[in-house]
């Protein structure tokens, strides 16, 4: 068994339990008779432990990724909604002030 085979076993397992897309294997290591496979997902990091002899999944853990601070962390949907609300408020105040003669 090699790192490539273990990675295939781990990613196939993660797909079977519902994590179908965005799987990026990051690291494989052999520790105490078990392969440890780290797989990055969109918002999570999975750690899968595969027995080196039996090729069975011994345990797995899925945890949130440590997010790095980023200026581009806004989704396009939120940006468009914010812009739309701002434009709506601007237009409402424009007509309100125009109506009262300000």
PDB file of N, CA and C in Angstrom:
ATOM      1  N   UNK A   1       0.851  -1.168   0.000  1.00  0.00           N
ATOM      2  CA  UNK A   1       0.000   0.000   0.000  1.00  0.00           C
ATOM      3  C   UNK A   1       0.901   1.235   0.000  1.00  0.00           C
ATOM      4  N   UNK A   2       0.515   2.222  -0.810  1.00  0.00           N
ATOM      5  CA  UNK A   2       1.289   3.459  -0.863  1.00  0.00           C
ATOM      6  C   UNK A   2       0.387   4.660  -0.575  1.00  0.00           C
ATOM      7  N   UNK A   3       0.976   5.838  -0.563  1.00  0.00           N
ATOM      8  CA  UNK A   3       0.235   7.058  -0.217  1.00  0.00           C
ATOM      9  C   UNK A   3      -0.907   7.325  -1.193  1.00  0.00           C
ATOM     10  N   UNK A   4      -0.695   7.017  -2.466  1.00  0.00           N
ATOM     11  CA  UNK A   4      -1.744   7.252  -3.466  1.00  0.00           C
ATOM     12  C   UNK A   4      -2.969   6.368  -3.202  1.00  0.00           C
ATOM     13  N   UNK A   5      -2.725   5.089  -2.924  1.00  0.00           N
ATOM     14  CA  UNK A   5      -3.841   4.175  -2.637  1.00  0.00           C
ATOM     15  C   UNK A   5      -4.600   4.587  -1.377  1.00  0.00           C
ATOM     16  N   UNK A   6      -3.866   4.989  -0.361  1.00  0.00           N
ATOM     17  CA  UNK A   6      -4.501   5.417   0.887  1.00  0.00           C
ATOM     18  C   UNK A   6      -5.337   6.672   0.654  1.00  0.00           C
ATOM     19  N   UNK A   7      -4.831   7.578  -0.161  1.00  0.00           N
ATOM     20  CA  UNK A   7      -5.571   8.805  -0.471  1.00  0.00           C
ATOM     21  C   UNK A   7      -6.874   8.478  -1.189  1.00  0.00           C
ATOM     22  N   UNK A   8      -6.834   7.532  -2.115  1.00  0.00           N
ATOM     23  CA  UNK A   8      -8.047   7.117  -2.831  1.00  0.00           C
ATOM     24  C   UNK A   8      -9.055   6.508  -1.853  1.00  0.00           C
ATOM     25  N   UNK A   9      -8.579   5.672  -0.943  1.00  0.00           N
ATOM     26  CA  UNK A   9      -9.473   5.067   0.053  1.00  0.00           C
ATOM     27  C   UNK A   9     -10.134   6.157   0.897  1.00  0.00           C
ATOM     28  N   UNK A  10      -9.348   7.121   1.363  1.00  0.00           N
ATOM     29  CA  UNK A  10      -9.880   8.181   2.232  1.00  0.00           C
ATOM     30  C   UNK A  10     -10.865   9.080   1.490  1.00  0.00           C
ATOM     31  N   UNK A  11     -10.529   9.484   0.267  1.00  0.00           N
ATOM     32  CA  UNK A  11     -11.440  10.377  -0.469  1.00  0.00           C
ATOM     33  C   UNK A  11     -12.717   9.642  -0.875  1.00  0.00           C
ATOM     34  N   UNK A  12     -12.615   8.375  -1.247  1.00  0.00           N
ATOM     35  CA  UNK A  12     -13.827   7.597  -1.558  1.00  0.00           C
ATOM     36  C   UNK A  12     -14.719   7.470  -0.328  1.00  0.00           C
ATOM     37  N   UNK A  13     -14.113   7.271   0.828  1.00  0.00           N
ATOM     38  CA  UNK A  13     -14.879   7.199   2.068  1.00  0.00           C
ATOM     39  C   UNK A  13     -15.607   8.514   2.336  1.00  0.00           C
ATOM     40  N   UNK A  14     -14.907   9.632   2.183  1.00  0.00           N
ATOM     41  CA  UNK A  14     -15.533  10.940   2.425  1.00  0.00           C
ATOM     42  C   UNK A  14     -16.665  11.200   1.437  1.00  0.00           C
ATOM     43  N   UNK A  15     -16.510  10.739   0.203  1.00  0.00           N
ATOM     44  CA  UNK A  15     -17.588  10.887  -0.787  1.00  0.00           C
ATOM     45  C   UNK A  15     -18.802  10.050  -0.385  1.00  0.00           C
ATOM     46  N   UNK A  16     -18.563   8.836   0.114  1.00  0.00           N
ATOM     47  CA  UNK A  16     -19.669   7.959   0.519  1.00  0.00           C
ATOM     48  C   UNK A  16     -20.467   8.527   1.680  1.00  0.00           C
ATOM     49  N   UNK A  17     -19.809   9.282   2.556  1.00  0.00           N
ATOM     50  CA  UNK A  17     -20.541   9.834   3.706  1.00  0.00           C
ATOM     51  C   UNK A  17     -21.117  11.220   3.409  1.00  0.00           C
ATOM     52  N   UNK A  18     -21.050  11.647   2.133  1.00  0.00           N
ATOM     53  CA  UNK A  18     -21.773  12.856   1.749  1.00  0.00           C
ATOM     54  C   UNK A  18     -20.950  14.052   1.345  1.00  0.00           C
ATOM     55  N   UNK A  19     -19.647  13.972   1.370  1.00  0.00           N
ATOM     56  CA  UNK A  19     -18.799  15.097   0.972  1.00  0.00           C
ATOM     57  C   UNK A  19     -18.336  14.876  -0.462  1.00  0.00           C
ATOM     58  N   UNK A  20     -19.170  15.266  -1.406  1.00  0.00           N
ATOM     59  CA  UNK A  20     -18.959  14.875  -2.802  1.00  0.00           C
ATOM     60  C   UNK A  20     -17.967  15.756  -3.562  1.00  0.00           C
ATOM     61  N   UNK A  21     -17.936  17.049  -3.286  1.00  0.00           N
ATOM     62  CA  UNK A  21     -17.099  17.917  -4.125  1.00  0.00           C
ATOM     63  C   UNK A  21     -16.112  18.713  -3.286  1.00  0.00           C
ATOM     64  N   UNK A  22     -15.103  19.212  -3.946  1.00  0.00           N
ATOM     65  CA  UNK A  22     -14.131  20.081  -3.296  1.00  0.00           C
ATOM     66  C   UNK A  22     -13.150  19.364  -2.386  1.00  0.00           C
ATOM     67  N   UNK A  23     -12.897  18.076  -2.618  1.00  0.00           N
ATOM     68  CA  UNK A  23     -11.946  17.335  -1.794  1.00  0.00           C
ATOM     69  C   UNK A  23     -10.536  17.538  -2.333  1.00  0.00           C
ATOM     70  N   UNK A  24      -9.648  18.061  -1.491  1.00  0.00           N
ATOM     71  CA  UNK A  24      -8.260  18.293  -1.892  1.00  0.00           C
ATOM     72  C   UNK A  24      -7.335  17.613  -0.885  1.00  0.00           C
ATOM     73  N   UNK A  25      -6.769  16.465  -1.246  1.00  0.00           N
ATOM     74  CA  UNK A  25      -5.831  15.809  -0.334  1.00  0.00           C
ATOM     75  C   UNK A  25      -4.619  16.707  -0.087  1.00  0.00           C
ATOM     76  N   UNK A  26      -4.257  16.876   1.177  1.00  0.00           N
ATOM     77  CA  UNK A  26      -3.154  17.763   1.534  1.00  0.00           C
ATOM     78  C   UNK A  26      -1.937  17.018   2.056  1.00  0.00           C
ATOM     79  N   UNK A  27      -2.158  15.916   2.796  1.00  0.00           N
ATOM     80  CA  UNK A  27      -1.017  15.265   3.423  1.00  0.00           C
ATOM     81  C   UNK A  27      -1.352  13.822   3.775  1.00  0.00           C
ATOM     82  N   UNK A  28      -0.357  12.949   3.631  1.00  0.00           N
ATOM     83  CA  UNK A  28      -0.479  11.553   4.062  1.00  0.00           C
ATOM     84  C   UNK A  28       0.775  11.226   4.864  1.00  0.00           C
ATOM     85  N   UNK A  29       0.583  10.589   6.011  1.00  0.00           N
ATOM     86  CA  UNK A  29       1.734  10.169   6.806  1.00  0.00           C
ATOM     87  C   UNK A  29       1.441   8.804   7.425  1.00  0.00           C
ATOM     88  N   UNK A  30       2.500   8.069   7.718  1.00  0.00           N
ATOM     89  CA  UNK A  30       2.380   6.748   8.342  1.00  0.00           C
ATOM     90  C   UNK A  30       2.830   6.879   9.793  1.00  0.00           C
ATOM     91  N   UNK A  31       1.903   6.625  10.721  1.00  0.00           N
ATOM     92  CA  UNK A  31       2.209   6.739  12.146  1.00  0.00           C
ATOM     93  C   UNK A  31       1.648   5.531  12.882  1.00  0.00           C
ATOM     94  N   UNK A  32       2.512   4.784  13.537  1.00  0.00           N
ATOM     95  CA  UNK A  32       2.119   3.658  14.389  1.00  0.00           C
ATOM     96  C   UNK A  32       1.193   2.673  13.688  1.00  0.00           C
ATOM     97  N   UNK A  33       1.533   2.259  12.487  1.00  0.00           N
ATOM     98  CA  UNK A  33       0.754   1.253  11.770  1.00  0.00           C
ATOM     99  C   UNK A  33      -0.520   1.755  11.134  1.00  0.00           C
ATOM    100  N   UNK A  34      -0.682   3.068  11.049  1.00  0.00           N
ATOM    101  CA  UNK A  34      -1.877   3.630  10.416  1.00  0.00           C
ATOM    102  C   UNK A  34      -1.476   4.835   9.570  1.00  0.00           C
ATOM    103  N   UNK A  35      -2.120   4.939   8.439  1.00  0.00           N
ATOM    104  CA  UNK A  35      -1.921   6.109   7.588  1.00  0.00           C
ATOM    105  C   UNK A  35      -2.869   7.211   8.048  1.00  0.00           C
ATOM    106  N   UNK A  36      -2.356   8.408   8.163  1.00  0.00           N
ATOM    107  CA  UNK A  36      -3.158   9.583   8.502  1.00  0.00           C
ATOM    108  C   UNK A  36      -3.263  10.418   7.230  1.00  0.00           C
ATOM    109  N   UNK A  37      -4.499  10.601   6.746  1.00  0.00           N
ATOM    110  CA  UNK A  37      -4.735  11.361   5.514  1.00  0.00           C
ATOM    111  C   UNK A  37      -5.481  12.637   5.884  1.00  0.00           C
ATOM    112  N   UNK A  38      -4.919  13.771   5.501  1.00  0.00           N
ATOM    113  CA  UNK A  38      -5.578  15.059   5.720  1.00  0.00           C
ATOM    114  C   UNK A  38      -6.150  15.530   4.392  1.00  0.00           C
ATOM    115  N   UNK A  39      -7.458  15.790   4.386  1.00  0.00           N
ATOM    116  CA  UNK A  39      -8.152  16.204   3.166  1.00  0.00           C
ATOM    117  C   UNK A  39      -8.858  17.531   3.446  1.00  0.00           C
ATOM    118  N   UNK A  40      -8.570  18.514   2.608  1.00  0.00           N
ATOM    119  CA  UNK A  40      -9.204  19.823   2.746  1.00  0.00           C
ATOM    120  C   UNK A  40     -10.491  19.843   1.940  1.00  0.00           C
ATOM    121  N   UNK A  41     -11.544  20.367   2.573  1.00  0.00           N
ATOM    122  CA  UNK A  41     -12.820  20.558   1.892  1.00  0.00           C
ATOM    123  C   UNK A  41     -13.098  22.055   1.871  1.00  0.00           C
ATOM    124  N   UNK A  42     -14.238  22.457   1.329  1.00  0.00           N
ATOM    125  CA  UNK A  42     -14.507  23.888   1.195  1.00  0.00           C
ATOM    126  C   UNK A  42     -14.392  24.631   2.519  1.00  0.00           C
ATOM    127  N   UNK A  43     -15.110  24.189   3.533  1.00  0.00           N
ATOM    128  CA  UNK A  43     -15.098  24.885   4.814  1.00  0.00           C
ATOM    129  C   UNK A  43     -14.574  24.024   5.957  1.00  0.00           C
ATOM    130  N   UNK A  44     -14.164  22.802   5.641  1.00  0.00           N
ATOM    131  CA  UNK A  44     -13.748  21.871   6.682  1.00  0.00           C
ATOM    132  C   UNK A  44     -12.435  21.194   6.324  1.00  0.00           C
ATOM    133  N   UNK A  45     -11.826  20.576   7.326  1.00  0.00           N
ATOM    134  CA  UNK A  45     -10.639  19.757   7.150  1.00  0.00           C
ATOM    135  C   UNK A  45     -10.970  18.386   7.714  1.00  0.00           C
ATOM    136  N   UNK A  46     -10.747  17.344   6.918  1.00  0.00           N
ATOM    137  CA  UNK A  46     -11.013  15.974   7.364  1.00  0.00           C
ATOM    138  C   UNK A  46      -9.690  15.273   7.632  1.00  0.00           C
ATOM    139  N   UNK A  47      -9.656  14.529   8.716  1.00  0.00           N
ATOM    140  CA  UNK A  47      -8.502  13.699   9.045  1.00  0.00           C
ATOM    141  C   UNK A  47      -9.011  12.265   9.118  1.00  0.00           C
ATOM    142  N   UNK A  48      -8.488  11.422   8.223  1.00  0.00           N
ATOM    143  CA  UNK A  48      -8.940  10.030   8.125  1.00  0.00           C
ATOM    144  C   UNK A  48      -7.767   9.127   8.483  1.00  0.00           C
ATOM    145  N   UNK A  49      -8.018   8.173   9.379  1.00  0.00           N
ATOM    146  CA  UNK A  49      -6.987   7.222   9.814  1.00  0.00           C
ATOM    147  C   UNK A  49      -7.301   5.871   9.180  1.00  0.00           C
ATOM    148  N   UNK A  50      -6.361   5.360   8.359  1.00  0.00           N
ATOM    149  CA  UNK A  50      -6.535   4.096   7.633  1.00  0.00           C
ATOM    150  C   UNK A  50      -5.503   3.096   8.150  1.00  0.00           C
ATOM    151  N   UNK A  51      -5.964   1.910   8.553  1.00  0.00           N
ATOM    152  CA  UNK A  51      -5.063   0.864   9.034  1.00  0.00           C
ATOM    153  C   UNK A  51      -4.147   0.419   7.898  1.00  0.00           C
ATOM    154  N   UNK A  52      -2.848   0.343   8.162  1.00  0.00           N
ATOM    155  CA  UNK A  52      -1.866   0.018   7.124  1.00  0.00           C
ATOM    156  C   UNK A  52      -1.965  -1.430   6.659  1.00  0.00           C
ATOM    157  N   UNK A  53      -2.395  -2.347   7.522  1.00  0.00           N
ATOM    158  CA  UNK A  53      -2.457  -3.757   7.153  1.00  0.00           C
ATOM    159  C   UNK A  53      -3.805  -4.152   6.564  1.00  0.00           C
ATOM    160  N   UNK A  54      -4.895  -3.745   7.219  1.00  0.00           N
ATOM    161  CA  UNK A  54      -6.225  -4.184   6.785  1.00  0.00           C
ATOM    162  C   UNK A  54      -6.877  -3.228   5.786  1.00  0.00           C
ATOM    163  N   UNK A  55      -6.322  -2.033   5.657  1.00  0.00           N
ATOM    164  CA  UNK A  55      -6.841  -1.002   4.739  1.00  0.00           C
ATOM    165  C   UNK A  55      -8.224  -0.510   5.156  1.00  0.00           C
ATOM    166  N   UNK A  56      -8.580  -0.678   6.411  1.00  0.00           N
ATOM    167  CA  UNK A  56      -9.876  -0.232   6.921  1.00  0.00           C
ATOM    168  C   UNK A  56      -9.761   1.183   7.479  1.00  0.00           C
ATOM    169  N   UNK A  57     -10.874   1.901   7.410  1.00  0.00           N
ATOM    170  CA  UNK A  57     -10.949   3.213   8.042  1.00  0.00           C
ATOM    171  C   UNK A  57     -11.097   2.963   9.541  1.00  0.00           C
ATOM    172  N   UNK A  58     -10.134   3.383  10.318  1.00  0.00           N
ATOM    173  CA  UNK A  58     -10.189   3.186  11.765  1.00  0.00           C
ATOM    174  C   UNK A  58     -10.931   4.323  12.453  1.00  0.00           C
ATOM    175  N   UNK A  59     -10.708   5.536  11.994  1.00  0.00           N
ATOM    176  CA  UNK A  59     -11.428   6.680  12.545  1.00  0.00           C
ATOM    177  C   UNK A  59     -11.306   7.854  11.584  1.00  0.00           C
ATOM    178  N   UNK A  60     -12.192   8.803  11.775  1.00  0.00           N
ATOM    179  CA  UNK A  60     -12.122  10.029  10.982  1.00  0.00           C
ATOM    180  C   UNK A  60     -12.645  11.182  11.808  1.00  0.00           C
ATOM    181  N   UNK A  61     -12.225  12.360  11.425  1.00  0.00           N
ATOM    182  CA  UNK A  61     -12.656  13.569  12.116  1.00  0.00           C
ATOM    183  C   UNK A  61     -12.814  14.672  11.077  1.00  0.00           C
ATOM    184  N   UNK A  62     -13.926  15.382  11.168  1.00  0.00           N
ATOM    185  CA  UNK A  62     -14.162  16.518  10.277  1.00  0.00           C
ATOM    186  C   UNK A  62     -14.316  17.743  11.163  1.00  0.00           C
ATOM    187  N   UNK A  63     -13.461  18.721  10.928  1.00  0.00           N
ATOM    188  CA  UNK A  63     -13.486  19.917  11.757  1.00  0.00           C
ATOM    189  C   UNK A  63     -13.435  21.172  10.894  1.00  0.00           C
ATOM    190  N   UNK A  64     -13.941  22.284  11.412  1.00  0.00           N
ATOM    191  CA  UNK A  64     -13.898  23.536  10.644  1.00  0.00           C
ATOM    192  C   UNK A  64     -12.453  23.948  10.392  1.00  0.00           C
ATOM    193  N   UNK A  65     -12.223  24.507   9.209  1.00  0.00           N
ATOM    194  CA  UNK A  65     -10.894  25.005   8.880  1.00  0.00           C
ATOM    195  C   UNK A  65     -10.631  26.274   9.665  1.00  0.00           C
ATOM    196  N   UNK A  66      -9.393  26.501  10.022  1.00  0.00           N
ATOM    197  CA  UNK A  66      -9.007  27.781  10.616  1.00  0.00           C
ATOM    198  C   UNK A  66      -8.972  28.812   9.511  1.00  0.00           C
ATOM    199  N   UNK A  67      -9.927  29.725   9.529  1.00  0.00           N
ATOM    200  CA  UNK A  67     -10.011  30.728   8.469  1.00  0.00           C
ATOM    201  C   UNK A  67      -8.967  31.806   8.694  1.00  0.00           C
ATOM    202  N   UNK A  68      -8.320  32.190   7.631  1.00  0.00           N
ATOM    203  CA  UNK A  68      -7.374  33.289   7.680  1.00  0.00           C
ATOM    204  C   UNK A  68      -8.125  34.573   7.377  1.00  0.00           C
ATOM    205  N   UNK A  69      -7.708  35.647   8.022  1.00  0.00           N
ATOM    206  CA  UNK A  69      -8.356  36.934   7.766  1.00  0.00           C
ATOM    207  C   UNK A  69      -8.090  37.342   6.327  1.00  0.00           C
ATOM    208  N   UNK A  70      -9.146  37.727   5.668  1.00  0.00           N
ATOM    209  CA  UNK A  70      -9.022  38.071   4.257  1.00  0.00           C
ATOM    210  C   UNK A  70      -9.978  39.199   3.927  1.00  0.00           C
ATOM    211  N   UNK A  71      -9.552  40.063   3.021  1.00  0.00           N
ATOM    212  CA  UNK A  71     -10.418  41.151   2.594  1.00  0.00           C
ATOM    213  C   UNK A  71     -11.447  40.665   1.584  1.00  0.00           C
ATOM    214  N   UNK A  72     -11.252  39.505   1.005  1.00  0.00           N
ATOM    215  CA  UNK A  72     -12.135  38.993  -0.030  1.00  0.00           C
ATOM    216  C   UNK A  72     -13.049  37.912   0.543  1.00  0.00           C
ATOM    217  N   UNK A  73     -13.406  38.031   1.807  1.00  0.00           N
ATOM    218  CA  UNK A  73     -14.222  37.003   2.432  1.00  0.00           C
ATOM    219  C   UNK A  73     -15.717  37.243   2.250  1.00  0.00           C
ATOM    220  N   UNK A  74     -16.099  38.306   1.531  1.00  0.00           N
ATOM    221  CA  UNK A  74     -17.510  38.583   1.293  1.00  0.00           C
ATOM    222  C   UNK A  74     -17.981  37.817   0.070  1.00  0.00           C
ATOM    223  N   UNK A  75     -19.130  37.206   0.187  1.00  0.00           N
ATOM    224  CA  UNK A  75     -19.674  36.503  -0.971  1.00  0.00           C
ATOM    225  C   UNK A  75     -20.285  37.531  -1.919  1.00  0.00           C
ATOM    226  N   UNK A  76     -20.325  37.243  -3.209  1.00  0.00           N
ATOM    227  CA  UNK A  76     -20.916  38.181  -4.171  1.00  0.00           C
ATOM    228  C   UNK A  76     -22.373  38.498  -3.859  1.00  0.00           C
ATOM    229  N   UNK A  77     -23.093  37.526  -3.320  1.00  0.00           N
ATOM    230  CA  UNK A  77     -24.504  37.744  -2.984  1.00  0.00           C
ATOM    231  C   UNK A  77     -24.644  38.833  -1.919  1.00  0.00           C
ATOM    232  N   UNK A  78     -23.808  38.787  -0.901  1.00  0.00           N
ATOM    233  CA  UNK A  78     -23.866  39.790   0.167  1.00  0.00           C
ATOM    234  C   UNK A  78     -23.491  41.168  -0.363  1.00  0.00           C
ATOM    235  N   UNK A  79     -22.484  41.238  -1.218  1.00  0.00           N
ATOM    236  CA  UNK A  79     -22.071  42.524  -1.787  1.00  0.00           C
ATOM    237  C   UNK A  79     -23.199  43.116  -2.618  1.00  0.00           C
ATOM    238  N   UNK A  80     -23.836  42.309  -3.462  1.00  0.00           N
ATOM    239  CA  UNK A  80     -24.936  42.810  -4.293  1.00  0.00           C
ATOM    240  C   UNK A  80     -26.132  43.231  -3.448  1.00  0.00           C
ATOM    241  N   UNK A  81     -26.441  42.468  -2.412  1.00  0.00           N
ATOM    242  CA  UNK A  81     -27.557  42.850  -1.543  1.00  0.00           C
ATOM    243  C   UNK A  81     -27.264  44.166  -0.834  1.00  0.00           C
ATOM    244  N   UNK A  82     -26.054  44.339  -0.349  1.00  0.00           N
ATOM    245  CA  UNK A  82     -25.684  45.584   0.326  1.00  0.00           C
ATOM    246  C   UNK A  82     -25.772  46.764  -0.627  1.00  0.00           C
ATOM    247  N   UNK A  83     -25.276  46.579  -1.841  1.00  0.00           N
ATOM    248  CA  UNK A  83     -25.341  47.641  -2.840  1.00  0.00           C
ATOM    249  C   UNK A  83     -26.793  47.979  -3.173  1.00  0.00           C
ATOM    250  N   UNK A  84     -27.629  46.967  -3.347  1.00  0.00           N
ATOM    251  CA  UNK A  84     -29.040  47.188  -3.669  1.00  0.00           C
ATOM    252  C   UNK A  84     -29.776  47.919  -2.563  1.00  0.00           C
ATOM    253  N   UNK A  85     -29.528  47.534  -1.327  1.00  0.00           N
ATOM    254  CA  UNK A  85     -30.177  48.203  -0.197  1.00  0.00           C
ATOM    255  C   UNK A  85     -29.707  49.652  -0.102  1.00  0.00           C
ATOM    256  N   UNK A  86     -28.407  49.875  -0.277  1.00  0.00           N
ATOM    257  CA  UNK A  86     -27.875  51.245  -0.234  1.00  0.00           C
ATOM    258  C   UNK A  86     -28.491  52.105  -1.324  1.00  0.00           C
ATOM    259  N   UNK A  87     -28.589  51.561  -2.527  1.00  0.00           N
ATOM    260  CA  UNK A  87     -29.184  52.315  -3.636  1.00  0.00           C
ATOM    261  C   UNK A  87     -30.650  52.617  -3.353  1.00  0.00           C
ATOM    262  N   UNK A  88     -31.380  51.657  -2.805  1.00  0.00           N
ATOM    263  CA  UNK A  88     -32.791  51.872  -2.478  1.00  0.00           C
ATOM    264  C   UNK A  88     -32.975  52.956  -1.429  1.00  0.00           C
ATOM    265  N   UNK A  89     -32.150  52.947  -0.401  1.00  0.00           N
ATOM    266  CA  UNK A  89     -32.228  53.974   0.644  1.00  0.00           C
ATOM    267  C   UNK A  89     -31.875  55.341   0.065  1.00  0.00           C
ATOM    268  N   UNK A  90     -30.854  55.399  -0.784  1.00  0.00           N
ATOM    269  CA  UNK A  90     -30.455  56.661  -1.411  1.00  0.00           C
ATOM    270  C   UNK A  90     -31.606  57.241  -2.236  1.00  0.00           C
ATOM    271  N   UNK A  91     -32.231  56.412  -3.062  1.00  0.00           N
ATOM    272  CA  UNK A  91     -33.342  56.874  -3.906  1.00  0.00           C
ATOM    273  C   UNK A  91     -34.514  57.326  -3.037  1.00  0.00           C
ATOM    274  N   UNK A  92     -34.816  56.590  -1.967  1.00  0.00           N
ATOM    275  CA  UNK A  92     -35.921  56.965  -1.080  1.00  0.00           C
ATOM    276  C   UNK A  92     -35.660  58.323  -0.433  1.00  0.00           C
ATOM    277  N   UNK A  93     -34.456  58.542   0.074  1.00  0.00           N
ATOM    278  CA  UNK A  93     -34.137  59.838   0.674  1.00  0.00           C
ATOM    279  C   UNK A  93     -34.125  60.961  -0.356  1.00  0.00           C
ATOM    280  N   UNK A  94     -33.648  60.660  -1.553  1.00  0.00           N
ATOM    281  CA  UNK A  94     -33.623  61.674  -2.611  1.00  0.00           C
ATOM    282  C   UNK A  94     -35.037  62.197  -2.873  1.00  0.00           C
ATOM    283  N   UNK A  95     -35.988  61.284  -3.073  1.00  0.00           N
ATOM    284  CA  UNK A  95     -37.362  61.710  -3.348  1.00  0.00           C
ATOM    285  C   UNK A  95     -38.027  62.320  -2.110  1.00  0.00           C
ATOM    286  N   UNK A  96     -37.694  61.833  -0.932  1.00  0.00           N
ATOM    287  CA  UNK A  96     -38.247  62.388   0.297  1.00  0.00           C
ATOM    288  C   UNK A  96     -37.803  63.840   0.477  1.00  0.00           C
ATOM    289  N   UNK A  97     -36.511  64.104   0.296  1.00  0.00           N
ATOM    290  CA  UNK A  97     -36.008  65.471   0.423  1.00  0.00           C
ATOM    291  C   UNK A  97     -36.534  66.370  -0.689  1.00  0.00           C
ATOM    292  N   UNK A  98     -36.668  65.815  -1.877  1.00  0.00           N
ATOM    293  CA  UNK A  98     -37.185  66.604  -2.999  1.00  0.00           C
ATOM    294  C   UNK A  98     -38.651  66.984  -2.752  1.00  0.00           C
ATOM    295  N   UNK A  99     -39.405  66.051  -2.147  1.00  0.00           N
ATOM    296  CA  UNK A  99     -40.818  66.297  -1.894  1.00  0.00           C
ATOM    297  C   UNK A  99     -41.008  67.405  -0.840  1.00  0.00           C
ATOM    298  N   UNK A 100     -40.127  67.451   0.155  1.00  0.00           N
ATOM    299  CA  UNK A 100     -40.253  68.448   1.210  1.00  0.00           C
ATOM    300  C   UNK A 100     -39.437  69.710   0.925  1.00  0.00           C
ATOM    301  N   UNK A 101     -38.801  69.783  -0.227  1.00  0.00           N
ATOM    302  CA  UNK A 101     -38.112  70.993  -0.654  1.00  0.00           C
ATOM    303  C   UNK A 101     -36.739  71.219  -0.051  1.00  0.00           C
ATOM    304  N   UNK A 102     -36.058  70.204   0.353  1.00  0.00           N
ATOM    305  CA  UNK A 102     -34.701  70.369   0.889  1.00  0.00           C
ATOM    306  C   UNK A 102     -33.690  70.292  -0.185  1.00  0.00           C
TER     307      UNK A 102
END
